[in-house]
């Protein structure tokens, strides 16, 4: 059975977020990615599998090596979803700031 992974569960893990940050600037092999962590390579491979299953990462074979890179379309999809909440909270904080600036304490 193929279970579809949830993107937000995937990015909730700090190691997976660190992997995404590593791959933000360039493609890397699993070995290169694993060398940046103090965990066993199979553990990093599992993280890569989860990120790939969520379509946050894509794989590209170059000879015998498999390179991982960010999937910009999926990252944009997540950013667009989160943007709605960012705007909501900014509006709420702006209202709170306005209330606090205009609040007078009776002395």
Protein backbone atom coordinates (compact mmCIF):
# COMPACT_ATOMS: atom_id res chain seq x y z
CA UNK A 1 0.00 0.00 0.00
CA UNK A 2 1.35 3.43 -0.97
CA UNK A 3 0.57 5.99 1.72
CA UNK A 4 0.67 9.59 0.61
CA UNK A 5 2.79 11.69 2.93
CA UNK A 6 1.64 15.03 4.27
CA UNK A 7 3.85 17.96 3.27
CA UNK A 8 3.39 19.74 6.58
CA UNK A 9 4.36 16.67 8.58
CA UNK A 10 7.43 16.41 6.39
CA UNK A 11 8.57 19.97 7.00
CA UNK A 12 7.77 19.74 10.71
CA UNK A 13 10.97 17.73 11.22
CA UNK A 14 14.04 19.94 11.82
CA UNK A 15 16.38 17.60 9.93
CA UNK A 16 14.17 17.67 6.87
CA UNK A 17 13.98 21.47 7.04
CA UNK A 18 17.79 21.55 7.23
CA UNK A 19 17.96 19.31 4.15
CA UNK A 20 15.65 21.68 2.27
CA UNK A 21 17.87 24.62 3.24
CA UNK A 22 20.97 22.74 2.06
CA UNK A 23 19.37 22.05 -1.29
CA UNK A 24 18.08 25.60 -1.72
CA UNK A 25 21.31 26.66 -3.39
CA UNK A 26 22.43 23.55 -5.25
CA UNK A 27 21.69 19.92 -6.05
CA UNK A 28 23.49 17.28 -4.00
CA UNK A 29 23.87 13.53 -3.79
CA UNK A 30 22.58 11.62 -0.77
CA UNK A 31 26.16 11.11 0.42
CA UNK A 32 26.94 14.82 0.26
CA UNK A 33 23.73 15.64 2.11
CA UNK A 34 24.44 12.99 4.76
CA UNK A 35 27.95 14.39 5.34
CA UNK A 36 26.32 17.53 6.75
CA UNK A 37 24.61 15.63 9.58
CA UNK A 38 25.73 13.66 12.62
CA UNK A 39 23.31 10.84 11.89
CA UNK A 40 23.64 7.57 10.04
CA UNK A 41 23.33 7.70 6.27
CA UNK A 42 20.24 5.41 6.28
CA UNK A 43 18.52 7.95 8.52
CA UNK A 44 19.24 10.74 6.05
CA UNK A 45 18.08 8.46 3.22
CA UNK A 46 14.75 7.99 5.01
CA UNK A 47 14.37 11.77 5.29
CA UNK A 48 15.12 12.07 1.57
CA UNK A 49 12.49 9.43 0.79
CA UNK A 50 9.88 11.35 2.78
CA UNK A 51 10.73 14.66 1.12
CA UNK A 52 10.67 13.00 -2.30
CA UNK A 53 7.33 11.29 -1.58
CA UNK A 54 5.89 14.71 -0.70
CA UNK A 55 7.28 16.06 -3.97
CA UNK A 56 9.36 18.66 -2.13
CA UNK A 57 12.47 17.13 -3.68
CA UNK A 58 13.05 15.76 -7.13
CA UNK A 59 15.73 13.30 -8.17
CA UNK A 60 17.91 13.49 -11.23
CA UNK A 61 20.27 10.71 -12.23
CA UNK A 62 23.65 11.75 -13.59
CA UNK A 63 25.67 8.66 -14.42
CA UNK A 64 25.73 6.47 -11.32
CA UNK A 65 24.86 9.33 -8.99
CA UNK A 66 21.40 10.52 -8.01
CA UNK A 67 21.18 14.23 -7.30
CA UNK A 68 18.44 15.71 -5.16
CA UNK A 69 17.10 19.21 -5.75
CA UNK A 70 14.18 21.30 -4.60
CA UNK A 71 10.93 21.11 -6.48
CA UNK A 72 10.15 24.84 -6.85
CA UNK A 73 6.53 24.29 -7.88
CA UNK A 74 5.74 22.38 -4.70
CA UNK A 75 7.61 24.91 -2.56
CA UNK A 76 5.57 27.71 -4.16
CA UNK A 77 2.36 25.80 -3.51
CA UNK A 78 3.25 25.63 0.20
CA UNK A 79 4.30 29.29 0.30
CA UNK A 80 1.03 30.35 -1.35
CA UNK A 81 -0.97 28.38 1.22
CA UNK A 82 0.95 29.84 4.17
CA UNK A 83 0.72 33.38 2.77
CA UNK A 84 -2.99 33.50 3.63
CA UNK A 85 -2.17 32.96 7.30
CA UNK A 86 0.74 35.41 7.29
CA UNK A 87 -1.54 38.17 6.00
CA UNK A 88 -4.21 37.29 8.57
CA UNK A 89 -1.72 37.54 11.44
CA UNK A 90 -0.16 40.73 10.12
CA UNK A 91 -3.61 42.33 10.04
CA UNK A 92 -4.29 41.21 13.60
CA UNK A 93 -0.96 42.52 14.86
CA UNK A 94 -1.55 45.83 13.07
CA UNK A 95 -4.93 46.16 14.83
CA UNK A 96 -3.36 45.31 18.18
CA UNK A 97 -0.60 47.86 17.62
CA UNK A 98 -3.20 50.50 16.78
CA UNK A 99 -5.16 49.72 19.96
CA UNK A 100 -2.03 49.84 22.10
CA UNK A 101 -0.90 53.18 20.63
CA UNK A 102 -4.30 54.74 21.22
CA UNK A 103 -4.90 53.26 24.67
CA UNK A 104 -4.61 55.85 27.40
CA UNK A 105 -4.07 54.90 30.99
CA UNK A 106 -6.08 56.97 33.44
CA UNK A 107 -3.89 58.30 36.19
